[in-house]
């Protein structure tokens, strides 16, 4: 599989088979991903992985906290504006449509959102953290590391879903994994083998044409 094929195959998978993922494979992916670029080679990422009994224990704790905690950062700006507002709205509508959940069925939509706390049934949950004193450039470096993890996972027949949803549980995650006080949680990630028969894995989020957001000058 080449890089283009991995990029094309990668989607945010939200339904997984229960098949376990070997620890050696997870470690290999995380280690190889460390070749991702970072300004000044700071390598700002810190990663925690859960599976088996520890993952089950963690999810049991989270189930007692349906409303989460005070986030340490806002995933989206308040009063999101276009075109970002429209993109986010349409993405949500397409997701729920794949499950046959109409907009007026708020309980069903909340139930689907709550599946984030179960890592969508994935056998592996990952958390990506960084030092609190680092700034936006290092946050972008961490994002590049996560993208590299996701593409390497595809290469190895696995799938992922990046979950900034876990920003709602910063204290719980930090306490459970033993995150040092001078570090903070950025995002979680589900990792496992996709359920190919689940309808939520049968749609793809839209992308605007390149002409909308790219301007090339001086090329043939």
N, C-alpha and C. Protein backbone atom coordinates (compact mmCIF):
# COMPACT_ATOMS: atom_id res chain seq x y z
N UNK A 1 0.85 -1.20 0.00
CA UNK A 1 0.00 0.00 0.00
C UNK A 1 0.88 1.25 0.00
N UNK A 2 0.63 2.17 -0.95
CA UNK A 2 1.40 3.41 -0.95
C UNK A 2 0.68 4.48 -0.13
N UNK A 3 1.33 5.62 0.01
CA UNK A 3 0.79 6.69 0.85
C UNK A 3 -0.57 7.18 0.33
N UNK A 4 -0.67 7.34 -0.99
CA UNK A 4 -1.93 7.82 -1.56
C UNK A 4 -3.08 6.87 -1.25
N UNK A 5 -2.81 5.58 -1.30
CA UNK A 5 -3.85 4.61 -0.99
C UNK A 5 -4.24 4.68 0.48
N UNK A 6 -3.27 4.87 1.36
CA UNK A 6 -3.57 4.98 2.79
C UNK A 6 -4.40 6.23 3.08
N UNK A 7 -4.05 7.34 2.43
CA UNK A 7 -4.82 8.58 2.61
C UNK A 7 -6.25 8.39 2.13
N UNK A 8 -6.43 7.71 1.01
CA UNK A 8 -7.76 7.50 0.45
C UNK A 8 -8.59 6.57 1.32
N UNK A 9 -7.97 5.57 1.90
CA UNK A 9 -8.72 4.60 2.70
C UNK A 9 -9.07 5.14 4.09
N UNK A 10 -8.22 6.00 4.64
CA UNK A 10 -8.44 6.46 6.01
C UNK A 10 -9.75 7.24 6.15
N UNK A 11 -10.59 6.82 7.06
CA UNK A 11 -11.77 7.57 7.45
C UNK A 11 -11.88 7.51 8.96
N UNK A 12 -12.76 8.31 9.53
CA UNK A 12 -13.03 8.23 10.96
C UNK A 12 -14.02 7.09 11.19
N UNK A 13 -13.48 5.93 11.57
CA UNK A 13 -14.30 4.74 11.76
C UNK A 13 -14.98 4.80 13.13
N UNK A 14 -16.29 4.61 13.12
CA UNK A 14 -17.07 4.74 14.36
C UNK A 14 -17.82 3.46 14.72
N UNK A 15 -17.35 2.33 14.21
CA UNK A 15 -17.87 1.01 14.61
C UNK A 15 -16.78 -0.01 14.33
N UNK A 16 -16.41 -0.80 15.36
CA UNK A 16 -15.29 -1.71 15.25
C UNK A 16 -15.69 -3.14 15.60
N UNK A 17 -14.91 -4.07 15.06
CA UNK A 17 -15.02 -5.46 15.49
C UNK A 17 -14.28 -5.61 16.83
N UNK A 18 -14.65 -6.59 17.63
CA UNK A 18 -14.01 -6.74 18.95
C UNK A 18 -12.63 -7.36 18.90
N UNK A 19 -12.16 -7.74 17.73
CA UNK A 19 -10.87 -8.43 17.62
C UNK A 19 -9.75 -7.64 18.29
N UNK A 20 -8.97 -8.27 19.16
CA UNK A 20 -7.88 -7.54 19.83
C UNK A 20 -6.76 -7.18 18.86
N UNK A 21 -6.05 -6.12 19.20
CA UNK A 21 -4.89 -5.69 18.41
C UNK A 21 -3.63 -6.03 19.21
N UNK A 22 -2.70 -6.77 18.63
CA UNK A 22 -1.48 -7.14 19.37
C UNK A 22 -0.73 -5.92 19.88
N UNK A 23 -0.25 -6.01 21.11
CA UNK A 23 0.48 -4.91 21.69
C UNK A 23 1.73 -4.55 20.91
N UNK A 24 2.40 -5.56 20.36
CA UNK A 24 3.61 -5.29 19.58
C UNK A 24 3.30 -4.47 18.35
N UNK A 25 2.13 -4.68 17.76
CA UNK A 25 1.74 -3.92 16.57
C UNK A 25 1.44 -2.47 16.94
N UNK A 26 0.73 -2.26 18.04
CA UNK A 26 0.45 -0.90 18.50
C UNK A 26 1.76 -0.16 18.78
N UNK A 27 2.66 -0.82 19.49
CA UNK A 27 3.94 -0.19 19.82
C UNK A 27 4.74 0.14 18.56
N UNK A 28 4.69 -0.76 17.58
CA UNK A 28 5.42 -0.52 16.33
C UNK A 28 4.88 0.70 15.60
N UNK A 29 3.57 0.83 15.53
CA UNK A 29 2.96 1.98 14.86
C UNK A 29 3.33 3.28 15.56
N UNK A 30 3.20 3.29 16.88
CA UNK A 30 3.50 4.51 17.64
C UNK A 30 4.97 4.90 17.51
N UNK A 31 5.84 3.90 17.49
CA UNK A 31 7.28 4.20 17.37
C UNK A 31 7.61 4.71 15.98
N UNK A 32 7.08 4.07 14.95
CA UNK A 32 7.36 4.52 13.59
C UNK A 32 6.82 5.92 13.34
N UNK A 33 5.68 6.23 13.95
CA UNK A 33 5.07 7.55 13.75
C UNK A 33 5.94 8.67 14.29
N UNK A 34 6.87 8.34 15.17
CA UNK A 34 7.74 9.36 15.75
C UNK A 34 8.70 9.96 14.74
N UNK A 35 8.68 9.44 13.49
CA UNK A 35 9.42 10.09 12.42
C UNK A 35 8.65 11.29 11.88
N UNK A 36 7.47 11.56 12.40
CA UNK A 36 6.72 12.75 12.00
C UNK A 36 7.54 14.00 12.31
N UNK A 37 7.37 15.06 11.51
CA UNK A 37 8.16 16.27 11.74
C UNK A 37 7.69 17.03 12.96
N UNK A 38 8.63 17.73 13.59
CA UNK A 38 8.27 18.67 14.66
C UNK A 38 9.31 19.78 14.66
N UNK A 39 8.85 21.01 14.83
CA UNK A 39 9.74 22.15 14.81
C UNK A 39 10.85 22.01 15.84
N UNK A 40 12.10 22.16 15.39
CA UNK A 40 13.23 22.03 16.29
C UNK A 40 13.42 20.62 16.82
N UNK A 41 12.72 19.67 16.21
CA UNK A 41 12.76 18.27 16.67
C UNK A 41 12.38 18.15 18.14
N UNK A 42 11.40 18.97 18.58
CA UNK A 42 10.99 18.92 19.98
C UNK A 42 10.27 17.62 20.34
N UNK A 43 9.64 16.99 19.34
CA UNK A 43 8.91 15.74 19.59
C UNK A 43 7.99 15.90 20.82
N UNK A 44 6.99 16.77 20.71
CA UNK A 44 6.21 17.15 21.89
C UNK A 44 5.18 16.11 22.34
N UNK A 45 5.04 15.01 21.60
CA UNK A 45 3.98 14.06 21.91
C UNK A 45 4.30 13.20 23.13
N UNK A 46 3.23 12.91 23.85
CA UNK A 46 3.26 11.91 24.93
C UNK A 46 2.00 11.08 24.75
N UNK A 47 2.13 9.75 24.69
CA UNK A 47 1.02 8.88 24.31
C UNK A 47 0.77 7.83 25.38
N UNK A 48 -0.51 7.59 25.64
CA UNK A 48 -0.93 6.53 26.55
C UNK A 48 -1.91 5.62 25.80
N UNK A 49 -1.77 4.31 25.98
CA UNK A 49 -2.65 3.36 25.32
C UNK A 49 -3.31 2.42 26.32
N UNK A 50 -4.58 2.13 26.10
CA UNK A 50 -5.33 1.22 26.96
C UNK A 50 -5.98 0.14 26.13
N UNK A 51 -6.00 -1.06 26.66
CA UNK A 51 -6.75 -2.16 26.06
C UNK A 51 -7.11 -3.14 27.17
N UNK A 52 -7.91 -4.15 26.84
CA UNK A 52 -8.24 -5.19 27.81
C UNK A 52 -8.86 -4.66 29.08
N UNK A 53 -8.43 -5.21 30.22
CA UNK A 53 -9.00 -4.85 31.51
C UNK A 53 -8.82 -3.37 31.86
N UNK A 54 -7.65 -2.75 31.62
CA UNK A 54 -7.52 -1.32 31.91
C UNK A 54 -8.50 -0.46 31.11
N UNK A 55 -8.71 -0.81 29.84
CA UNK A 55 -9.67 -0.04 29.03
C UNK A 55 -11.08 -0.22 29.57
N UNK A 56 -11.45 -1.44 29.94
CA UNK A 56 -12.78 -1.68 30.50
C UNK A 56 -12.96 -0.91 31.80
N UNK A 57 -11.93 -0.88 32.63
CA UNK A 57 -12.01 -0.14 33.89
C UNK A 57 -12.18 1.35 33.63
N UNK A 58 -11.42 1.86 32.68
CA UNK A 58 -11.53 3.28 32.37
C UNK A 58 -12.94 3.63 31.88
N UNK A 59 -13.48 2.83 30.98
CA UNK A 59 -14.80 3.11 30.44
C UNK A 59 -15.86 3.03 31.52
N UNK A 60 -15.67 2.14 32.50
CA UNK A 60 -16.62 2.05 33.61
C UNK A 60 -16.62 3.34 34.43
N UNK A 61 -15.45 3.93 34.60
CA UNK A 61 -15.35 5.20 35.33
C UNK A 61 -16.06 6.31 34.55
N UNK A 62 -15.81 6.37 33.27
CA UNK A 62 -16.40 7.43 32.44
C UNK A 62 -17.92 7.32 32.40
N UNK A 63 -18.45 6.11 32.43
CA UNK A 63 -19.91 5.94 32.38
C UNK A 63 -20.61 6.55 33.57
N UNK A 64 -19.87 6.78 34.66
CA UNK A 64 -20.47 7.43 35.83
C UNK A 64 -20.48 8.94 35.70
N UNK A 65 -19.96 9.47 34.59
CA UNK A 65 -19.83 10.92 34.39
C UNK A 65 -20.40 11.31 33.03
N UNK A 66 -21.69 11.16 32.82
CA UNK A 66 -22.27 11.39 31.49
C UNK A 66 -22.13 12.82 30.98
N UNK A 67 -21.94 13.77 31.89
CA UNK A 67 -21.85 15.17 31.46
C UNK A 67 -20.41 15.67 31.37
N UNK A 68 -19.46 14.79 31.64
CA UNK A 68 -18.07 15.17 31.50
C UNK A 68 -17.61 16.17 32.54
N UNK A 69 -16.55 16.88 32.21
CA UNK A 69 -15.93 17.85 33.11
C UNK A 69 -15.71 19.16 32.35
N UNK A 70 -15.13 20.13 33.03
CA UNK A 70 -14.83 21.40 32.37
C UNK A 70 -13.64 21.22 31.44
N UNK A 71 -13.82 21.43 30.14
CA UNK A 71 -12.70 21.24 29.20
C UNK A 71 -11.58 22.24 29.47
N UNK A 72 -10.37 21.84 29.12
CA UNK A 72 -9.23 22.75 29.26
C UNK A 72 -9.02 23.60 28.01
N UNK A 73 -9.73 23.27 26.95
CA UNK A 73 -9.70 24.09 25.74
C UNK A 73 -10.97 23.84 24.97
N UNK A 74 -11.33 24.78 24.11
CA UNK A 74 -12.52 24.65 23.28
C UNK A 74 -12.13 24.00 21.95
N UNK A 75 -12.80 22.91 21.61
CA UNK A 75 -12.50 22.22 20.37
C UNK A 75 -12.83 23.10 19.16
N UNK A 76 -13.95 23.82 19.24
CA UNK A 76 -14.37 24.73 18.16
C UNK A 76 -14.53 26.14 18.72
N UNK A 77 -14.23 27.16 17.92
CA UNK A 77 -14.50 28.53 18.36
C UNK A 77 -16.00 28.73 18.60
N UNK A 78 -16.34 29.61 19.52
CA UNK A 78 -17.74 29.93 19.74
C UNK A 78 -18.28 30.71 18.55
N UNK A 79 -19.58 30.54 18.32
CA UNK A 79 -20.25 31.23 17.20
C UNK A 79 -19.51 30.97 15.88
N UNK A 80 -19.32 29.70 15.59
CA UNK A 80 -18.59 29.30 14.40
C UNK A 80 -19.21 29.93 13.15
N UNK A 81 -18.39 30.42 12.25
CA UNK A 81 -18.83 31.16 11.08
C UNK A 81 -18.63 30.31 9.82
N UNK A 82 -19.24 30.77 8.73
CA UNK A 82 -19.10 30.06 7.46
C UNK A 82 -17.76 30.39 6.80
N UNK A 83 -17.18 29.42 6.08
CA UNK A 83 -17.79 28.14 5.67
C UNK A 83 -17.69 27.02 6.69
N UNK A 84 -17.03 27.31 7.84
CA UNK A 84 -16.77 26.26 8.81
C UNK A 84 -18.06 25.76 9.47
N UNK A 85 -18.98 26.68 9.74
CA UNK A 85 -20.24 26.29 10.37
C UNK A 85 -21.02 25.33 9.47
N UNK A 86 -21.10 25.67 8.18
CA UNK A 86 -21.84 24.83 7.24
C UNK A 86 -21.19 23.47 7.09
N UNK A 87 -19.87 23.43 7.02
CA UNK A 87 -19.16 22.14 6.89
C UNK A 87 -19.44 21.26 8.11
N UNK A 88 -19.36 21.84 9.29
CA UNK A 88 -19.60 21.05 10.50
C UNK A 88 -21.04 20.55 10.55
N UNK A 89 -21.98 21.43 10.22
CA UNK A 89 -23.40 21.06 10.24
C UNK A 89 -23.67 19.92 9.26
N UNK A 90 -23.15 20.05 8.04
CA UNK A 90 -23.41 19.03 7.03
C UNK A 90 -22.77 17.71 7.40
N UNK A 91 -21.61 17.77 8.01
CA UNK A 91 -20.94 16.54 8.42
C UNK A 91 -21.79 15.78 9.43
N UNK A 92 -22.34 16.52 10.39
CA UNK A 92 -23.21 15.88 11.38
C UNK A 92 -24.46 15.30 10.76
N UNK A 93 -25.06 16.05 9.84
CA UNK A 93 -26.28 15.57 9.19
C UNK A 93 -26.01 14.29 8.39
N UNK A 94 -24.88 14.24 7.69
CA UNK A 94 -24.54 13.06 6.90
C UNK A 94 -24.29 11.86 7.81
N UNK A 95 -23.62 12.10 8.93
CA UNK A 95 -23.34 11.01 9.86
C UNK A 95 -24.63 10.39 10.38
N UNK A 96 -25.53 11.24 10.88
CA UNK A 96 -26.78 10.71 11.44
C UNK A 96 -27.68 10.12 10.36
N UNK A 97 -27.61 10.65 9.16
CA UNK A 97 -28.40 10.10 8.06
C UNK A 97 -27.97 8.68 7.74
N UNK A 98 -26.67 8.39 7.89
CA UNK A 98 -26.19 7.04 7.61
C UNK A 98 -26.78 6.03 8.58
N UNK A 99 -27.24 6.52 9.73
CA UNK A 99 -27.85 5.65 10.74
C UNK A 99 -29.37 5.73 10.74
N UNK A 100 -29.92 6.56 9.85
CA UNK A 100 -31.36 6.73 9.79
C UNK A 100 -31.92 7.48 10.98
N UNK A 101 -31.11 8.36 11.57
CA UNK A 101 -31.56 9.14 12.74
C UNK A 101 -31.95 10.54 12.29
N UNK A 102 -33.23 10.89 12.34
CA UNK A 102 -33.65 12.22 11.90
C UNK A 102 -33.22 13.30 12.88
N UNK A 103 -33.20 14.53 12.40
CA UNK A 103 -32.72 15.64 13.23
C UNK A 103 -33.55 15.82 14.50
N UNK A 104 -34.84 15.54 14.42
CA UNK A 104 -35.70 15.77 15.58
C UNK A 104 -35.57 14.69 16.65
N UNK A 105 -34.87 13.59 16.35
CA UNK A 105 -34.71 12.52 17.34
C UNK A 105 -33.47 12.81 18.19
N UNK A 106 -33.61 13.75 19.11
CA UNK A 106 -32.48 14.16 19.95
C UNK A 106 -31.94 13.03 20.82
N UNK A 107 -32.81 12.19 21.45
CA UNK A 107 -32.28 11.10 22.28
C UNK A 107 -31.38 10.15 21.50
N UNK A 108 -31.78 9.81 20.27
CA UNK A 108 -30.96 8.90 19.47
C UNK A 108 -29.63 9.54 19.09
N UNK A 109 -29.65 10.83 18.82
CA UNK A 109 -28.41 11.53 18.48
C UNK A 109 -27.47 11.58 19.70
N UNK A 110 -28.04 11.80 20.86
CA UNK A 110 -27.21 11.81 22.07
C UNK A 110 -26.64 10.44 22.36
N UNK A 111 -27.43 9.39 22.10
CA UNK A 111 -26.94 8.04 22.31
C UNK A 111 -25.75 7.74 21.39
N UNK A 112 -25.84 8.22 20.15
CA UNK A 112 -24.73 8.03 19.23
C UNK A 112 -23.50 8.81 19.68
N UNK A 113 -23.70 10.05 20.13
CA UNK A 113 -22.59 10.85 20.63
C UNK A 113 -21.92 10.17 21.80
N UNK A 114 -22.72 9.56 22.67
CA UNK A 114 -22.19 8.90 23.86
C UNK A 114 -21.30 7.72 23.52
N UNK A 115 -21.40 7.19 22.31
CA UNK A 115 -20.55 6.06 21.92
C UNK A 115 -19.09 6.46 21.85
N UNK A 116 -18.82 7.77 21.84
CA UNK A 116 -17.43 8.22 21.96
C UNK A 116 -16.79 7.68 23.23
N UNK A 117 -17.56 7.62 24.32
CA UNK A 117 -17.00 7.17 25.59
C UNK A 117 -16.64 5.70 25.57
N UNK A 118 -17.14 4.96 24.59
CA UNK A 118 -16.82 3.55 24.43
C UNK A 118 -15.77 3.35 23.34
N UNK A 119 -15.16 4.45 22.87
CA UNK A 119 -14.23 4.39 21.73
C UNK A 119 -14.88 3.67 20.56
N UNK A 120 -16.21 3.79 20.46
CA UNK A 120 -16.98 3.19 19.37
C UNK A 120 -16.77 1.67 19.28
N UNK A 121 -16.47 1.06 20.42
CA UNK A 121 -16.27 -0.38 20.44
C UNK A 121 -14.89 -0.84 20.04
N UNK A 122 -13.96 0.09 19.82
CA UNK A 122 -12.59 -0.28 19.44
C UNK A 122 -11.90 -0.97 20.61
N UNK A 123 -11.02 -1.92 20.33
CA UNK A 123 -10.32 -2.62 21.41
C UNK A 123 -9.14 -1.85 21.99
N UNK A 124 -8.77 -0.73 21.36
CA UNK A 124 -7.65 0.08 21.85
C UNK A 124 -8.08 1.54 21.93
N UNK A 125 -7.77 2.16 23.05
CA UNK A 125 -7.98 3.60 23.20
C UNK A 125 -6.64 4.28 23.42
N UNK A 126 -6.36 5.32 22.65
CA UNK A 126 -5.11 6.06 22.79
C UNK A 126 -5.40 7.49 23.24
N UNK A 127 -4.47 8.05 24.01
CA UNK A 127 -4.57 9.45 24.44
C UNK A 127 -3.26 10.16 24.07
N UNK A 128 -3.41 11.34 23.49
CA UNK A 128 -2.27 12.13 23.03
C UNK A 128 -2.19 13.41 23.87
N UNK A 129 -1.05 13.62 24.47
CA UNK A 129 -0.88 14.71 25.44
C UNK A 129 0.41 15.48 25.13
N UNK A 130 0.53 16.65 25.76
CA UNK A 130 1.75 17.44 25.59
C UNK A 130 1.94 18.35 26.78
N UNK A 131 3.15 18.88 26.91
CA UNK A 131 3.50 19.78 28.01
C UNK A 131 2.65 21.05 27.92
N UNK A 132 2.13 21.49 29.05
CA UNK A 132 1.25 22.67 29.08
C UNK A 132 1.93 23.93 28.60
N UNK A 133 3.24 24.02 28.77
CA UNK A 133 3.94 25.26 28.43
C UNK A 133 4.20 25.39 26.94
N UNK A 134 3.97 24.33 26.19
CA UNK A 134 4.17 24.39 24.74
C UNK A 134 3.04 25.16 24.08
N UNK A 135 3.31 25.70 22.89
CA UNK A 135 2.34 26.57 22.24
C UNK A 135 1.71 25.98 20.99
N UNK A 136 0.96 26.81 20.24
CA UNK A 136 0.27 26.33 19.04
C UNK A 136 1.16 25.60 18.04
N UNK A 137 2.41 26.03 17.82
CA UNK A 137 3.24 25.27 16.87
C UNK A 137 3.42 23.81 17.30
N UNK A 138 3.57 23.59 18.61
CA UNK A 138 3.76 22.22 19.07
C UNK A 138 2.44 21.43 19.04
N UNK A 139 1.32 22.13 19.19
CA UNK A 139 0.03 21.46 19.01
C UNK A 139 -0.09 20.95 17.58
N UNK A 140 0.37 21.76 16.62
CA UNK A 140 0.30 21.31 15.22
C UNK A 140 1.25 20.14 15.00
N UNK A 141 2.41 20.14 15.68
CA UNK A 141 3.33 19.01 15.58
C UNK A 141 2.66 17.74 16.09
N UNK A 142 1.95 17.84 17.20
CA UNK A 142 1.24 16.69 17.75
C UNK A 142 0.18 16.19 16.76
N UNK A 143 -0.48 17.13 16.08
CA UNK A 143 -1.45 16.74 15.06
C UNK A 143 -0.80 15.97 13.93
N UNK A 144 0.41 16.38 13.52
CA UNK A 144 1.11 15.66 12.46
C UNK A 144 1.50 14.27 12.93
N UNK A 145 1.87 14.15 14.20
CA UNK A 145 2.18 12.83 14.75
C UNK A 145 0.94 11.94 14.70
N UNK A 146 -0.20 12.47 15.10
CA UNK A 146 -1.43 11.69 15.09
C UNK A 146 -1.81 11.25 13.68
N UNK A 147 -1.67 12.15 12.72
CA UNK A 147 -1.97 11.78 11.33
C UNK A 147 -1.05 10.66 10.86
N UNK A 148 0.21 10.71 11.25
CA UNK A 148 1.14 9.66 10.87
C UNK A 148 0.72 8.33 11.49
N UNK A 149 0.28 8.36 12.75
CA UNK A 149 -0.23 7.15 13.40
C UNK A 149 -1.41 6.58 12.60
N UNK A 150 -2.32 7.46 12.18
CA UNK A 150 -3.51 6.99 11.49
C UNK A 150 -3.18 6.36 10.14
N UNK A 151 -2.22 6.94 9.43
CA UNK A 151 -1.86 6.38 8.12
C UNK A 151 -1.09 5.06 8.28
N UNK A 152 -0.22 4.98 9.27
CA UNK A 152 0.48 3.72 9.52
C UNK A 152 -0.50 2.63 9.94
N UNK A 153 -1.54 3.01 10.68
CA UNK A 153 -2.55 2.04 11.08
C UNK A 153 -3.25 1.47 9.85
N UNK A 154 -3.59 2.34 8.91
CA UNK A 154 -4.23 1.87 7.67
C UNK A 154 -3.32 0.90 6.93
N UNK A 155 -2.05 1.24 6.86
CA UNK A 155 -1.08 0.36 6.19
C UNK A 155 -1.09 -1.04 6.78
N UNK A 156 -1.32 -1.14 8.10
CA UNK A 156 -1.30 -2.41 8.78
C UNK A 156 -2.69 -3.04 8.91
N UNK A 157 -3.65 -2.54 8.13
CA UNK A 157 -4.98 -3.13 8.12
C UNK A 157 -5.88 -2.70 9.25
N UNK A 158 -5.49 -1.65 9.97
CA UNK A 158 -6.27 -1.13 11.09
C UNK A 158 -6.98 0.15 10.70
N UNK A 159 -7.84 0.62 11.59
CA UNK A 159 -8.55 1.87 11.37
C UNK A 159 -8.58 2.66 12.66
N UNK A 160 -8.91 3.94 12.53
CA UNK A 160 -8.86 4.85 13.67
C UNK A 160 -10.00 5.85 13.62
N UNK A 161 -10.18 6.52 14.73
CA UNK A 161 -11.04 7.71 14.79
C UNK A 161 -10.43 8.65 15.80
N UNK A 162 -9.91 9.78 15.35
CA UNK A 162 -9.40 10.80 16.27
C UNK A 162 -10.58 11.39 17.04
N UNK A 163 -10.41 11.56 18.36
CA UNK A 163 -11.52 11.97 19.21
C UNK A 163 -11.13 13.14 20.12
N UNK A 164 -11.32 14.35 19.63
CA UNK A 164 -11.15 15.50 20.51
C UNK A 164 -12.28 15.55 21.53
N UNK A 165 -13.26 14.69 21.36
CA UNK A 165 -14.33 14.51 22.35
C UNK A 165 -13.76 14.35 23.76
N UNK A 166 -12.60 13.70 23.87
CA UNK A 166 -12.05 13.44 25.20
C UNK A 166 -11.57 14.70 25.90
N UNK A 167 -11.57 15.84 25.21
CA UNK A 167 -11.29 17.11 25.89
C UNK A 167 -12.33 17.38 26.97
N UNK A 168 -13.47 16.68 26.92
CA UNK A 168 -14.52 16.83 27.95
C UNK A 168 -14.17 16.11 29.25
N UNK A 169 -13.14 15.28 29.23
CA UNK A 169 -12.79 14.48 30.41
C UNK A 169 -11.31 14.63 30.77
N UNK A 170 -10.80 15.85 30.84
CA UNK A 170 -9.35 16.01 31.03
C UNK A 170 -8.85 15.51 32.38
N UNK A 171 -9.59 15.79 33.46
CA UNK A 171 -9.13 15.36 34.78
C UNK A 171 -9.21 13.85 34.94
N UNK A 172 -10.29 13.26 34.44
CA UNK A 172 -10.47 11.81 34.57
C UNK A 172 -9.39 11.05 33.81
N UNK A 173 -9.12 11.47 32.57
CA UNK A 173 -8.08 10.82 31.78
C UNK A 173 -6.72 10.98 32.45
N UNK A 174 -6.42 12.20 32.88
CA UNK A 174 -5.12 12.47 33.50
C UNK A 174 -4.90 11.61 34.74
N UNK A 175 -5.93 11.51 35.57
CA UNK A 175 -5.80 10.71 36.80
C UNK A 175 -5.63 9.24 36.47
N UNK A 176 -6.38 8.75 35.50
CA UNK A 176 -6.35 7.31 35.20
C UNK A 176 -5.02 6.88 34.61
N UNK A 177 -4.47 7.66 33.69
CA UNK A 177 -3.21 7.26 33.03
C UNK A 177 -1.98 7.73 33.77
N UNK A 178 -2.16 8.55 34.83
CA UNK A 178 -1.01 9.07 35.56
C UNK A 178 -0.28 10.17 34.83
N UNK A 179 -1.03 11.03 34.15
CA UNK A 179 -0.44 12.13 33.40
C UNK A 179 0.16 13.15 34.37
N UNK A 180 1.41 13.54 34.18
CA UNK A 180 2.02 14.55 35.07
C UNK A 180 1.22 15.86 35.05
N UNK A 181 1.24 16.58 36.15
CA UNK A 181 0.48 17.82 36.25
C UNK A 181 0.91 18.86 35.23
N UNK A 182 2.16 18.81 34.79
CA UNK A 182 2.63 19.81 33.83
C UNK A 182 2.30 19.43 32.39
N UNK A 183 1.52 18.37 32.20
CA UNK A 183 1.06 17.97 30.87
C UNK A 183 -0.46 18.03 30.80
N UNK A 184 -0.99 18.12 29.58
CA UNK A 184 -2.44 18.17 29.40
C UNK A 184 -2.85 17.25 28.26
N UNK A 185 -4.09 16.83 28.31
CA UNK A 185 -4.66 15.99 27.26
C UNK A 185 -5.06 16.84 26.07
N UNK A 186 -4.69 16.39 24.87
CA UNK A 186 -5.15 17.04 23.64
C UNK A 186 -6.29 16.26 23.01
N UNK A 187 -6.08 14.96 22.76
CA UNK A 187 -7.08 14.20 22.03
C UNK A 187 -6.96 12.72 22.36
N UNK A 188 -8.04 12.00 22.12
CA UNK A 188 -8.01 10.55 22.18
C UNK A 188 -8.08 9.99 20.77
N UNK A 189 -8.01 8.67 20.66
CA UNK A 189 -8.12 8.02 19.36
C UNK A 189 -8.56 6.57 19.56
N UNK A 190 -9.58 6.17 18.83
CA UNK A 190 -9.97 4.77 18.78
C UNK A 190 -9.11 4.06 17.75
N UNK A 191 -8.72 2.82 18.05
CA UNK A 191 -7.88 2.04 17.15
C UNK A 191 -8.34 0.60 17.13
N UNK A 192 -8.55 0.06 15.95
CA UNK A 192 -8.97 -1.33 15.85
C UNK A 192 -9.31 -1.70 14.41
N UNK A 193 -10.07 -2.77 14.26
CA UNK A 193 -10.47 -3.25 12.94
C UNK A 193 -11.91 -2.84 12.68
N UNK A 194 -12.14 -2.13 11.59
CA UNK A 194 -13.48 -1.62 11.31
C UNK A 194 -14.48 -2.74 11.09
N UNK A 195 -15.73 -2.47 11.48
CA UNK A 195 -16.84 -3.34 11.15
C UNK A 195 -17.32 -2.93 9.76
N UNK A 196 -17.03 -3.71 8.73
CA UNK A 196 -17.35 -3.28 7.36
C UNK A 196 -18.84 -3.28 7.07
N UNK A 197 -19.61 -3.96 7.92
CA UNK A 197 -21.05 -4.07 7.67
C UNK A 197 -21.87 -2.99 8.37
N UNK A 198 -21.24 -2.23 9.25
CA UNK A 198 -21.99 -1.20 9.98
C UNK A 198 -22.23 0.00 9.08
N UNK A 199 -23.46 0.51 9.02
CA UNK A 199 -23.77 1.61 8.09
C UNK A 199 -22.99 2.89 8.35
N UNK A 200 -22.59 3.12 9.58
CA UNK A 200 -21.88 4.37 9.87
C UNK A 200 -20.51 4.41 9.21
N UNK A 201 -20.00 3.24 8.84
CA UNK A 201 -18.71 3.19 8.15
C UNK A 201 -18.85 3.20 6.63
N UNK A 202 -20.08 3.38 6.17
CA UNK A 202 -20.32 3.33 4.73
C UNK A 202 -20.43 4.68 4.06
N UNK A 203 -20.21 5.76 4.80
CA UNK A 203 -20.27 7.10 4.18
C UNK A 203 -18.93 7.79 4.37
N UNK A 204 -18.71 8.83 3.57
CA UNK A 204 -17.47 9.60 3.66
C UNK A 204 -17.80 11.07 3.79
N UNK A 205 -17.09 11.75 4.64
CA UNK A 205 -17.29 13.19 4.78
C UNK A 205 -16.86 13.90 3.51
N UNK A 206 -17.56 14.98 3.18
CA UNK A 206 -17.31 15.70 1.93
C UNK A 206 -16.06 16.57 2.04
N UNK A 207 -15.47 16.87 0.91
CA UNK A 207 -14.36 17.82 0.83
C UNK A 207 -14.67 18.85 -0.24
N UNK A 208 -14.38 20.11 0.05
CA UNK A 208 -14.56 21.16 -0.94
C UNK A 208 -13.57 20.98 -2.09
N UNK A 209 -13.93 21.41 -3.29
CA UNK A 209 -12.98 21.35 -4.41
C UNK A 209 -11.72 22.15 -4.09
N UNK A 210 -10.61 21.71 -4.64
CA UNK A 210 -9.33 22.35 -4.34
C UNK A 210 -9.35 23.83 -4.70
N UNK A 211 -10.14 24.23 -5.73
CA UNK A 211 -10.18 25.63 -6.14
C UNK A 211 -10.73 26.55 -5.05
N UNK A 212 -11.48 25.99 -4.10
CA UNK A 212 -12.09 26.78 -3.04
C UNK A 212 -11.04 27.28 -2.04
N UNK A 213 -10.02 26.46 -1.80
CA UNK A 213 -9.09 26.79 -0.71
C UNK A 213 -7.62 26.84 -1.13
N UNK A 214 -7.33 26.66 -2.42
CA UNK A 214 -5.94 26.65 -2.88
C UNK A 214 -5.74 27.60 -4.04
N UNK A 215 -4.68 28.40 -3.99
CA UNK A 215 -4.36 29.35 -5.05
C UNK A 215 -2.90 29.14 -5.46
N UNK A 216 -2.69 28.62 -6.65
CA UNK A 216 -1.34 28.35 -7.14
C UNK A 216 -0.96 29.39 -8.19
N UNK A 217 0.22 29.95 -8.05
CA UNK A 217 0.68 30.97 -8.99
C UNK A 217 2.02 30.55 -9.59
N UNK A 218 2.21 30.85 -10.87
CA UNK A 218 3.48 30.60 -11.53
C UNK A 218 3.66 29.19 -12.03
N UNK A 219 2.65 28.34 -11.91
CA UNK A 219 2.75 26.96 -12.40
C UNK A 219 2.20 26.86 -13.81
N UNK A 220 2.60 25.82 -14.54
CA UNK A 220 2.09 25.60 -15.89
C UNK A 220 0.60 25.22 -15.82
